[in-house]
N, C-alpha and C. Protein backbone atom coordinates (compact mmCIF):
# COMPACT_ATOMS: atom_id res chain seq x y z
N MET A 1 177.30 82.87 132.68
CA MET A 1 176.16 83.27 133.53
C MET A 1 175.25 84.23 132.79
N ARG A 2 175.87 85.20 132.18
CA ARG A 2 175.09 86.18 131.44
C ARG A 2 174.36 85.51 130.28
N THR A 3 175.06 84.54 129.68
CA THR A 3 174.46 83.86 128.54
C THR A 3 173.21 83.09 128.96
N SER A 4 173.28 82.37 130.13
CA SER A 4 172.11 81.61 130.58
C SER A 4 170.96 82.54 130.96
N VAL A 5 171.27 83.66 131.59
CA VAL A 5 170.22 84.65 131.92
C VAL A 5 169.61 85.20 130.64
N LEU A 6 170.46 85.45 129.68
CA LEU A 6 169.98 85.99 128.40
C LEU A 6 169.06 85.00 127.70
N PHE A 7 169.46 83.69 127.73
CA PHE A 7 168.62 82.66 127.09
C PHE A 7 167.28 82.52 127.81
N SER A 8 167.33 82.55 129.19
CA SER A 8 166.07 82.44 129.93
C SER A 8 165.18 83.64 129.66
N TRP A 9 165.78 84.80 129.51
CA TRP A 9 165.00 86.01 129.20
C TRP A 9 164.36 85.91 127.82
N VAL A 10 165.14 85.40 126.86
CA VAL A 10 164.62 85.24 125.51
C VAL A 10 163.50 84.21 125.50
N ASP A 11 163.70 83.07 126.29
CA ASP A 11 162.65 82.06 126.34
C ASP A 11 161.36 82.61 126.94
N SER A 12 161.49 83.39 128.05
CA SER A 12 160.27 83.97 128.64
C SER A 12 159.63 84.98 127.70
N LEU A 13 160.46 85.72 126.98
CA LEU A 13 159.94 86.67 126.00
C LEU A 13 159.21 85.93 124.89
N GLN A 14 159.81 84.79 124.49
CA GLN A 14 159.19 84.01 123.43
C GLN A 14 157.84 83.46 123.89
N ILE A 15 157.76 82.98 125.15
CA ILE A 15 156.48 82.45 125.66
C ILE A 15 155.42 83.54 125.69
N THR A 16 155.82 84.72 126.26
CA THR A 16 154.87 85.83 126.31
C THR A 16 154.44 86.26 124.91
N THR A 17 155.44 86.35 124.03
CA THR A 17 155.14 86.79 122.68
C THR A 17 154.30 85.76 121.94
N ARG A 18 154.59 84.48 122.21
CA ARG A 18 153.79 83.43 121.58
C ARG A 18 152.33 83.53 122.01
N ARG A 19 152.11 83.81 123.28
CA ARG A 19 150.73 83.97 123.74
C ARG A 19 150.06 85.13 123.01
N GLN A 20 150.82 86.21 122.86
CA GLN A 20 150.26 87.36 122.13
C GLN A 20 149.98 86.98 120.68
N LEU A 21 150.93 86.20 120.12
CA LEU A 21 150.75 85.78 118.74
C LEU A 21 149.49 84.92 118.58
N PHE A 22 149.35 83.94 119.50
CA PHE A 22 148.17 83.06 119.42
C PHE A 22 146.88 83.85 119.61
N ARG A 23 146.91 84.81 120.55
CA ARG A 23 145.72 85.62 120.79
C ARG A 23 145.41 86.47 119.55
N THR A 24 146.44 87.04 118.97
CA THR A 24 146.26 87.86 117.78
C THR A 24 145.77 87.03 116.61
N LEU A 25 146.36 85.80 116.48
CA LEU A 25 145.90 84.92 115.40
C LEU A 25 144.46 84.49 115.60
N ALA A 26 144.08 84.23 116.84
CA ALA A 26 142.70 83.84 117.11
C ALA A 26 141.73 84.96 116.76
N LEU A 27 142.13 86.21 117.09
CA LEU A 27 141.28 87.34 116.75
C LEU A 27 141.19 87.55 115.25
N GLY A 28 142.31 87.31 114.58
CA GLY A 28 142.33 87.54 113.14
C GLY A 28 141.76 86.40 112.33
N GLY A 29 141.60 85.21 112.94
CA GLY A 29 141.11 84.06 112.19
C GLY A 29 139.73 84.26 111.60
N GLY A 30 138.80 84.72 112.43
CA GLY A 30 137.44 84.97 111.94
C GLY A 30 137.41 86.06 110.89
N LEU A 31 138.26 87.09 111.10
CA LEU A 31 138.31 88.17 110.13
C LEU A 31 138.84 87.68 108.79
N MET A 32 139.84 86.80 108.85
CA MET A 32 140.41 86.28 107.61
C MET A 32 139.37 85.47 106.84
N LEU A 33 138.53 84.72 107.56
CA LEU A 33 137.47 83.94 106.90
C LEU A 33 136.49 84.86 106.19
N SER A 34 136.07 85.93 106.87
CA SER A 34 135.14 86.86 106.23
C SER A 34 135.79 87.58 105.07
N VAL A 35 137.10 87.87 105.19
CA VAL A 35 137.81 88.53 104.10
C VAL A 35 137.91 87.60 102.90
N ALA A 36 138.19 86.32 103.18
CA ALA A 36 138.28 85.35 102.07
C ALA A 36 136.94 85.23 101.37
N THR A 37 135.87 85.20 102.16
CA THR A 37 134.53 85.13 101.56
C THR A 37 134.24 86.38 100.74
N ALA A 38 134.61 87.52 101.28
CA ALA A 38 134.37 88.79 100.57
C ALA A 38 135.19 88.86 99.30
N ALA A 39 136.41 88.29 99.34
CA ALA A 39 137.26 88.34 98.16
C ALA A 39 136.68 87.51 97.03
N GLN A 40 135.91 86.46 97.37
CA GLN A 40 135.29 85.62 96.36
C GLN A 40 133.98 86.21 95.85
N THR A 41 133.46 87.22 96.53
CA THR A 41 132.20 87.82 96.12
C THR A 41 132.44 88.69 94.89
N PRO A 42 131.72 88.45 93.78
CA PRO A 42 131.99 89.20 92.56
C PRO A 42 131.42 90.60 92.58
N ALA A 43 130.45 90.88 93.44
CA ALA A 43 129.76 92.17 93.43
C ALA A 43 130.54 93.21 94.20
N VAL A 44 131.67 93.67 93.63
CA VAL A 44 132.47 94.74 94.23
C VAL A 44 132.42 95.91 93.27
N SER A 45 131.99 97.05 93.77
CA SER A 45 131.87 98.21 92.91
C SER A 45 133.26 98.71 92.52
N PRO A 46 133.38 99.39 91.37
CA PRO A 46 134.69 99.86 90.92
C PRO A 46 135.36 100.83 91.89
N ASP A 47 134.58 101.61 92.63
CA ASP A 47 135.17 102.57 93.55
C ASP A 47 135.33 102.01 94.96
N SER A 48 135.18 100.69 95.12
CA SER A 48 135.30 100.08 96.44
C SER A 48 136.76 100.05 96.88
N PRO A 49 137.04 100.38 98.16
CA PRO A 49 138.42 100.31 98.65
C PRO A 49 138.87 98.89 98.99
N LEU A 50 137.97 97.93 98.84
CA LEU A 50 138.27 96.56 99.27
C LEU A 50 139.46 95.95 98.53
N PRO A 51 139.56 96.05 97.19
CA PRO A 51 140.74 95.46 96.53
C PRO A 51 142.05 96.04 97.03
N GLY A 52 142.09 97.36 97.26
CA GLY A 52 143.31 97.98 97.78
C GLY A 52 143.65 97.48 99.17
N LEU A 53 142.61 97.36 100.02
CA LEU A 53 142.84 96.86 101.38
C LEU A 53 143.33 95.42 101.36
N LEU A 54 142.79 94.61 100.47
CA LEU A 54 143.24 93.22 100.37
C LEU A 54 144.68 93.14 99.90
N ALA A 55 145.06 94.03 98.97
CA ALA A 55 146.45 94.07 98.51
C ALA A 55 147.38 94.48 99.65
N GLU A 56 146.95 95.48 100.45
CA GLU A 56 147.75 95.91 101.61
C GLU A 56 147.87 94.78 102.62
N ARG A 57 146.78 94.02 102.81
CA ARG A 57 146.82 92.91 103.76
C ARG A 57 147.79 91.83 103.29
N LYS A 58 147.81 91.59 101.97
CA LYS A 58 148.75 90.60 101.44
C LYS A 58 150.19 91.03 101.69
N ALA A 59 150.46 92.34 101.52
CA ALA A 59 151.81 92.84 101.80
C ALA A 59 152.16 92.65 103.27
N LEU A 60 151.19 92.91 104.16
CA LEU A 60 151.43 92.70 105.59
C LEU A 60 151.65 91.22 105.90
N THR A 61 150.93 90.35 105.22
CA THR A 61 151.11 88.91 105.42
C THR A 61 152.50 88.48 104.97
N ASP A 62 152.96 89.01 103.84
CA ASP A 62 154.33 88.71 103.39
C ASP A 62 155.35 89.22 104.41
N ARG A 63 155.09 90.39 104.95
CA ARG A 63 156.01 90.94 105.96
C ARG A 63 156.02 90.06 107.21
N TYR A 64 154.84 89.54 107.58
CA TYR A 64 154.77 88.65 108.74
C TYR A 64 155.57 87.37 108.50
N ARG A 65 155.45 86.81 107.28
CA ARG A 65 156.20 85.58 106.98
C ARG A 65 157.70 85.83 107.05
N GLU A 66 158.13 86.98 106.50
CA GLU A 66 159.56 87.30 106.55
C GLU A 66 160.04 87.48 107.98
N ALA A 67 159.22 88.17 108.82
CA ALA A 67 159.61 88.38 110.21
C ALA A 67 159.62 87.07 110.98
N SER A 68 158.70 86.16 110.69
CA SER A 68 158.65 84.87 111.37
C SER A 68 159.82 83.99 110.99
N ALA A 69 160.34 84.17 109.77
CA ALA A 69 161.44 83.32 109.30
C ALA A 69 162.80 83.77 109.82
N GLN A 70 162.87 84.95 110.41
CA GLN A 70 164.17 85.47 110.88
C GLN A 70 164.65 84.72 112.12
N ARG A 71 165.90 84.35 112.11
CA ARG A 71 166.56 83.70 113.25
C ARG A 71 167.90 84.38 113.49
N HIS A 72 168.26 84.54 114.73
CA HIS A 72 169.52 85.21 115.08
C HIS A 72 170.50 84.16 115.57
N SER A 73 171.67 84.11 114.96
CA SER A 73 172.66 83.08 115.30
C SER A 73 173.18 83.24 116.71
N LEU A 74 173.15 84.46 117.27
CA LEU A 74 173.65 84.70 118.62
C LEU A 74 172.82 83.95 119.66
N PHE A 75 171.54 83.74 119.37
CA PHE A 75 170.64 83.08 120.33
C PHE A 75 170.36 81.62 119.94
N GLY A 76 171.29 81.00 119.25
CA GLY A 76 171.12 79.59 118.90
C GLY A 76 170.06 79.39 117.83
N ASN A 77 170.09 80.24 116.82
CA ASN A 77 169.14 80.17 115.70
C ASN A 77 167.69 80.32 116.16
N LYS A 78 167.50 81.13 117.23
CA LYS A 78 166.17 81.45 117.72
C LYS A 78 165.90 82.92 117.46
N PRO A 79 164.62 83.29 117.36
CA PRO A 79 164.32 84.71 117.09
C PRO A 79 164.70 85.58 118.27
N SER A 80 165.21 86.77 117.96
CA SER A 80 165.55 87.73 119.01
C SER A 80 164.32 88.52 119.41
N LYS A 81 164.49 89.36 120.42
CA LYS A 81 163.37 90.20 120.87
C LYS A 81 162.91 91.12 119.74
N LYS A 82 163.86 91.64 118.98
CA LYS A 82 163.53 92.52 117.87
C LYS A 82 162.75 91.75 116.80
N ASP A 83 163.23 90.50 116.56
CA ASP A 83 162.52 89.67 115.57
C ASP A 83 161.09 89.41 115.99
N LEU A 84 160.93 89.05 117.28
CA LEU A 84 159.59 88.77 117.79
C LEU A 84 158.72 90.02 117.77
N GLN A 85 159.33 91.17 118.04
CA GLN A 85 158.57 92.42 118.00
C GLN A 85 158.11 92.72 116.57
N GLU A 86 158.95 92.41 115.59
CA GLU A 86 158.56 92.61 114.20
C GLU A 86 157.39 91.69 113.84
N VAL A 87 157.45 90.44 114.38
CA VAL A 87 156.35 89.52 114.13
C VAL A 87 155.05 90.06 114.73
N VAL A 88 155.15 90.54 115.99
CA VAL A 88 153.97 91.10 116.66
C VAL A 88 153.45 92.31 115.90
N ASP A 89 154.36 93.19 115.47
CA ASP A 89 153.95 94.38 114.73
C ASP A 89 153.26 93.99 113.41
N ALA A 90 153.85 92.98 112.75
CA ALA A 90 153.25 92.54 111.48
C ALA A 90 151.85 91.96 111.71
N LEU A 91 151.72 91.15 112.78
CA LEU A 91 150.40 90.59 113.08
C LEU A 91 149.41 91.68 113.47
N GLN A 92 149.88 92.66 114.25
CA GLN A 92 149.00 93.76 114.62
C GLN A 92 148.55 94.54 113.40
N GLY A 93 149.46 94.72 112.45
CA GLY A 93 149.10 95.38 111.20
C GLY A 93 148.06 94.59 110.43
N ILE A 94 148.21 93.24 110.44
CA ILE A 94 147.23 92.39 109.76
C ILE A 94 145.86 92.53 110.43
N VAL A 95 145.86 92.49 111.78
CA VAL A 95 144.59 92.61 112.50
C VAL A 95 143.94 93.97 112.24
N ASP A 96 144.76 95.05 112.28
CA ASP A 96 144.22 96.38 112.00
C ASP A 96 143.65 96.45 110.58
N LYS A 97 144.38 95.84 109.63
CA LYS A 97 143.91 95.86 108.24
C LYS A 97 142.63 95.04 108.11
N ASP A 98 142.58 93.89 108.84
CA ASP A 98 141.36 93.09 108.83
C ASP A 98 140.17 93.89 109.36
N GLN A 99 140.43 94.69 110.40
CA GLN A 99 139.35 95.51 110.95
C GLN A 99 138.87 96.54 109.92
N GLN A 100 139.82 97.12 109.20
CA GLN A 100 139.42 98.07 108.14
C GLN A 100 138.59 97.36 107.07
N ILE A 101 139.02 96.13 106.71
CA ILE A 101 138.30 95.37 105.70
C ILE A 101 136.89 95.04 106.19
N VAL A 102 136.80 94.63 107.46
CA VAL A 102 135.48 94.31 108.03
C VAL A 102 134.60 95.55 108.05
N ASP A 103 135.18 96.71 108.38
CA ASP A 103 134.40 97.95 108.36
C ASP A 103 133.85 98.23 106.96
N VAL A 104 134.71 98.02 105.95
CA VAL A 104 134.27 98.23 104.56
C VAL A 104 133.16 97.25 104.21
N LEU A 105 133.34 95.98 104.63
CA LEU A 105 132.32 94.96 104.35
C LEU A 105 131.01 95.30 105.04
N ASN A 106 131.11 95.79 106.29
CA ASN A 106 129.88 96.17 107.01
C ASN A 106 129.18 97.33 106.30
N ARG A 107 129.98 98.32 105.87
CA ARG A 107 129.37 99.44 105.15
C ARG A 107 128.74 98.97 103.83
N THR A 108 129.46 98.06 103.15
CA THR A 108 128.92 97.52 101.89
C THR A 108 127.64 96.75 102.15
N ALA A 109 127.64 95.93 103.22
CA ALA A 109 126.43 95.17 103.55
C ALA A 109 125.28 96.09 103.92
N GLN A 110 125.61 97.17 104.67
CA GLN A 110 124.57 98.13 105.04
C GLN A 110 124.01 98.82 103.80
N ALA A 111 124.92 99.20 102.89
CA ALA A 111 124.46 99.83 101.64
C ALA A 111 123.62 98.86 100.83
N ALA A 112 124.05 97.58 100.80
CA ALA A 112 123.28 96.58 100.06
C ALA A 112 121.91 96.38 100.69
N THR A 113 121.87 96.40 102.04
CA THR A 113 120.58 96.25 102.74
C THR A 113 119.67 97.44 102.42
N THR A 114 120.26 98.64 102.45
CA THR A 114 119.48 99.84 102.13
C THR A 114 118.97 99.78 100.69
N THR A 115 119.87 99.39 99.77
CA THR A 115 119.46 99.28 98.37
C THR A 115 118.38 98.22 98.20
N SER A 116 118.55 97.10 98.90
CA SER A 116 117.55 96.03 98.82
C SER A 116 116.19 96.52 99.34
N ALA A 117 116.23 97.25 100.48
CA ALA A 117 114.97 97.78 101.03
C ALA A 117 114.34 98.78 100.06
N ARG A 118 115.20 99.62 99.44
CA ARG A 118 114.67 100.59 98.48
C ARG A 118 114.07 99.88 97.26
N LEU A 119 114.76 98.83 96.79
CA LEU A 119 114.24 98.07 95.66
C LEU A 119 112.94 97.37 96.02
N ALA A 120 112.88 96.84 97.25
CA ALA A 120 111.64 96.17 97.69
C ALA A 120 110.49 97.18 97.73
N ALA A 121 110.77 98.39 98.26
CA ALA A 121 109.74 99.42 98.31
C ALA A 121 109.31 99.83 96.90
N THR A 122 110.31 99.97 96.01
CA THR A 122 109.99 100.33 94.62
C THR A 122 109.17 99.23 93.94
N THR A 123 109.57 97.96 94.20
CA THR A 123 108.82 96.84 93.62
C THR A 123 107.38 96.82 94.12
N THR A 124 107.23 97.05 95.44
CA THR A 124 105.88 97.09 96.02
C THR A 124 105.06 98.22 95.39
N HIS A 125 105.71 99.38 95.24
CA HIS A 125 105.01 100.52 94.62
C HIS A 125 104.62 100.19 93.18
N LEU A 126 105.55 99.57 92.43
CA LEU A 126 105.25 99.22 91.05
C LEU A 126 104.14 98.18 90.97
N GLU A 127 104.18 97.20 91.88
CA GLU A 127 103.13 96.19 91.89
C GLU A 127 101.78 96.82 92.20
N THR A 128 101.76 97.75 93.18
CA THR A 128 100.51 98.43 93.52
C THR A 128 100.02 99.26 92.34
N SER A 129 100.96 100.02 91.72
CA SER A 129 100.57 100.83 90.57
C SER A 129 100.07 99.96 89.42
N SER A 130 100.78 98.84 89.19
CA SER A 130 100.37 97.94 88.12
C SER A 130 98.99 97.35 88.41
N ARG A 131 98.75 96.98 89.68
CA ARG A 131 97.44 96.43 90.04
C ARG A 131 96.36 97.50 89.86
N ASP A 132 96.66 98.73 90.29
CA ASP A 132 95.69 99.82 90.10
C ASP A 132 95.43 100.07 88.63
N ASP A 133 96.52 100.04 87.82
CA ASP A 133 96.35 100.25 86.37
C ASP A 133 95.51 99.14 85.75
N ARG A 134 95.78 97.89 86.20
CA ARG A 134 94.99 96.78 85.67
C ARG A 134 93.51 96.93 86.04
N ASN A 135 93.26 97.31 87.31
CA ASN A 135 91.87 97.51 87.74
C ASN A 135 91.20 98.63 86.96
N LEU A 136 91.95 99.73 86.78
CA LEU A 136 91.40 100.87 86.03
C LEU A 136 91.14 100.48 84.58
N THR A 137 92.09 99.72 83.99
CA THR A 137 91.91 99.28 82.61
C THR A 137 90.72 98.34 82.49
N ALA A 138 90.58 97.40 83.44
CA ALA A 138 89.44 96.48 83.41
C ALA A 138 88.13 97.24 83.56
N GLN A 139 88.13 98.26 84.46
CA GLN A 139 86.91 99.05 84.65
C GLN A 139 86.57 99.83 83.39
N ARG A 140 87.60 100.44 82.78
CA ARG A 140 87.36 101.20 81.55
C ARG A 140 86.91 100.28 80.42
N LEU A 141 87.51 99.07 80.34
CA LEU A 141 87.10 98.11 79.33
C LEU A 141 85.65 97.68 79.52
N SER A 142 85.26 97.49 80.78
CA SER A 142 83.88 97.14 81.07
C SER A 142 82.94 98.27 80.66
N GLU A 143 83.34 99.51 80.96
CA GLU A 143 82.51 100.66 80.56
C GLU A 143 82.40 100.73 79.04
N LEU A 144 83.52 100.53 78.32
CA LEU A 144 83.48 100.58 76.87
C LEU A 144 82.62 99.45 76.30
N THR A 145 82.72 98.27 76.93
CA THR A 145 81.89 97.15 76.49
C THR A 145 80.41 97.47 76.67
N ASN A 146 80.07 98.06 77.82
CA ASN A 146 78.68 98.46 78.06
C ASN A 146 78.22 99.51 77.05
N GLU A 147 79.10 100.49 76.79
CA GLU A 147 78.75 101.52 75.81
C GLU A 147 78.52 100.90 74.43
N ALA A 148 79.42 99.95 74.05
CA ALA A 148 79.26 99.30 72.74
C ALA A 148 77.95 98.51 72.68
N GLU A 149 77.62 97.83 73.78
CA GLU A 149 76.37 97.08 73.81
C GLU A 149 75.17 98.02 73.71
N ASN A 150 75.24 99.16 74.42
CA ASN A 150 74.17 100.16 74.34
C ASN A 150 74.02 100.70 72.91
N LEU A 151 75.19 100.94 72.25
CA LEU A 151 75.14 101.42 70.87
C LEU A 151 74.50 100.38 69.96
N ARG A 152 74.84 99.09 70.17
CA ARG A 152 74.21 98.03 69.36
C ARG A 152 72.70 97.99 69.58
N GLN A 153 72.28 98.13 70.82
CA GLN A 153 70.84 98.12 71.11
C GLN A 153 70.15 99.31 70.44
N ARG A 154 70.79 100.49 70.53
CA ARG A 154 70.22 101.67 69.89
C ARG A 154 70.15 101.50 68.37
N GLU A 155 71.20 100.88 67.80
CA GLU A 155 71.19 100.65 66.36
C GLU A 155 70.06 99.70 65.97
N LYS A 156 69.87 98.65 66.78
CA LYS A 156 68.75 97.73 66.50
C LYS A 156 67.42 98.45 66.58
N GLN A 157 67.27 99.30 67.61
CA GLN A 157 66.02 100.05 67.74
C GLN A 157 65.81 101.00 66.56
N GLN A 158 66.92 101.65 66.14
CA GLN A 158 66.80 102.56 65.00
C GLN A 158 66.46 101.81 63.72
N LEU A 159 67.08 100.62 63.56
CA LEU A 159 66.76 99.82 62.37
C LEU A 159 65.29 99.39 62.38
N ALA A 160 64.83 98.96 63.56
CA ALA A 160 63.42 98.55 63.66
C ALA A 160 62.51 99.73 63.37
N HIS A 161 62.84 100.91 63.90
CA HIS A 161 62.05 102.12 63.66
C HIS A 161 62.08 102.49 62.18
N GLN A 162 63.28 102.34 61.57
CA GLN A 162 63.40 102.66 60.15
C GLN A 162 62.55 101.71 59.31
N ARG A 163 62.56 100.42 59.67
CA ARG A 163 61.71 99.46 58.94
C ARG A 163 60.23 99.83 59.07
N ASP A 164 59.86 100.21 60.31
CA ASP A 164 58.47 100.62 60.50
C ASP A 164 58.12 101.82 59.63
N LEU A 165 59.04 102.80 59.60
CA LEU A 165 58.80 103.98 58.77
C LEU A 165 58.72 103.60 57.30
N GLU A 166 59.62 102.70 56.85
CA GLU A 166 59.59 102.28 55.45
C GLU A 166 58.28 101.55 55.13
N ALA A 167 57.82 100.72 56.09
CA ALA A 167 56.55 100.02 55.89
C ALA A 167 55.40 101.03 55.80
N GLU A 168 55.43 102.05 56.68
CA GLU A 168 54.39 103.08 56.63
C GLU A 168 54.42 103.84 55.32
N VAL A 169 55.66 104.17 54.85
CA VAL A 169 55.78 104.89 53.58
C VAL A 169 55.26 104.04 52.44
N ALA A 170 55.63 102.73 52.45
CA ALA A 170 55.15 101.83 51.38
C ALA A 170 53.63 101.73 51.42
N GLU A 171 53.09 101.61 52.62
CA GLU A 171 51.63 101.54 52.76
C GLU A 171 50.97 102.82 52.28
N ALA A 172 51.60 103.97 52.65
CA ALA A 172 51.05 105.25 52.21
C ALA A 172 51.12 105.37 50.69
N LYS A 173 52.24 104.91 50.10
CA LYS A 173 52.36 104.97 48.63
C LYS A 173 51.28 104.10 47.97
N GLN A 174 51.09 102.91 48.56
CA GLN A 174 50.07 102.02 48.00
C GLN A 174 48.69 102.66 48.11
N GLY A 175 48.43 103.32 49.27
CA GLY A 175 47.15 104.02 49.44
C GLY A 175 46.98 105.15 48.44
N HIS A 176 48.05 105.89 48.18
CA HIS A 176 48.00 106.97 47.20
C HIS A 176 47.73 106.42 45.80
N PHE A 177 48.37 105.26 45.50
CA PHE A 177 48.16 104.68 44.17
C PHE A 177 46.70 104.26 43.96
N VAL A 178 46.13 103.62 44.98
CA VAL A 178 44.71 103.22 44.89
C VAL A 178 43.81 104.44 44.75
N ARG A 179 44.11 105.46 45.55
CA ARG A 179 43.30 106.69 45.48
C ARG A 179 43.40 107.33 44.10
N ASP A 180 44.67 107.39 43.59
CA ASP A 180 44.85 107.99 42.26
C ASP A 180 44.13 107.18 41.18
N ALA A 181 44.19 105.84 41.37
CA ALA A 181 43.50 104.99 40.39
C ALA A 181 41.99 105.22 40.44
N LEU A 182 41.44 105.32 41.67
CA LEU A 182 40.00 105.59 41.80
C LEU A 182 39.63 106.95 41.19
N ILE A 183 40.48 107.94 41.45
CA ILE A 183 40.21 109.29 40.91
C ILE A 183 40.24 109.24 39.39
N ALA A 184 41.27 108.52 38.87
CA ALA A 184 41.37 108.44 37.40
C ALA A 184 40.16 107.71 36.83
N GLY A 185 39.75 106.63 37.50
CA GLY A 185 38.58 105.88 37.04
C GLY A 185 37.32 106.73 37.08
N LEU A 186 37.14 107.45 38.18
CA LEU A 186 35.98 108.34 38.30
C LEU A 186 36.02 109.45 37.24
N ALA A 187 37.23 109.94 36.97
CA ALA A 187 37.34 111.01 35.95
C ALA A 187 36.95 110.47 34.58
N VAL A 188 37.42 109.26 34.26
CA VAL A 188 37.06 108.66 32.96
C VAL A 188 35.54 108.42 32.89
N LEU A 189 34.99 107.95 34.02
CA LEU A 189 33.55 107.71 34.06
C LEU A 189 32.76 109.01 33.86
N CYS A 190 33.23 110.05 34.50
CA CYS A 190 32.56 111.36 34.36
C CYS A 190 32.62 111.86 32.90
N VAL A 191 33.79 111.69 32.31
CA VAL A 191 33.94 112.13 30.92
C VAL A 191 33.00 111.31 30.02
N GLY A 192 32.93 110.01 30.28
CA GLY A 192 32.05 109.14 29.49
C GLY A 192 30.59 109.56 29.64
N LEU A 193 30.18 109.90 30.87
CA LEU A 193 28.81 110.34 31.11
C LEU A 193 28.53 111.65 30.37
N VAL A 194 29.47 112.54 30.41
CA VAL A 194 29.28 113.84 29.73
C VAL A 194 29.13 113.62 28.23
N VAL A 195 29.96 112.79 27.67
CA VAL A 195 29.91 112.51 26.23
C VAL A 195 28.57 111.85 25.86
N ALA A 196 28.16 110.92 26.73
CA ALA A 196 26.89 110.22 26.46
C ALA A 196 25.72 111.21 26.51
N LEU A 197 25.72 112.10 27.48
CA LEU A 197 24.66 113.11 27.59
C LEU A 197 24.64 114.02 26.40
N ARG A 198 25.72 114.40 25.87
CA ARG A 198 25.78 115.29 24.71
C ARG A 198 25.24 114.59 23.47
N ARG A 199 25.49 113.31 23.37
CA ARG A 199 25.03 112.58 22.19
C ARG A 199 23.48 112.46 22.21
N ARG A 200 22.93 112.36 23.38
CA ARG A 200 21.49 112.25 23.47
C ARG A 200 20.82 113.56 23.05
N LYS A 201 21.44 114.62 23.29
CA LYS A 201 20.84 115.89 22.92
C LYS A 201 20.94 116.04 21.41
């Protein structure tokens, strides 16, 4: 009689515990998927607690497998209440560890989002600065081009003025030469007249 009551108690315990197990597994399923995805992500910083948490989770998973494999010969090779409690404890540890891992992933994602926003702001600032620098450089280049063109025009004007001055100087020299020639001719003529007058006397 006691044996049948004990078996019915174990069976009811197993049903209740199985429901808890299924509920716990359902809760942990999504977390395990995100953990698996995170484990494949190469961008883990050296000081990240994620590798340690994953190692702890693996130890808890091994503990769960060992607890699930236990069978008690007294109950017809079925798990005892203690065995089932160890399974539940192991699963609860896995779920708790998954929650810690998810918290780390959320913090990492938040930090990545913050870093991404900071990089986007920096990129925007650099693009604006680069555009302003390009505009300033183009404006300065235009000013320098205008200055160079003005200098060329001034040089042309100075060359033209210099040619005019050289032409005036050449003309003045030619005028001086003609004048000097006339003066010399008149001087020779005067000397000739003086000599002729003296001979007549």
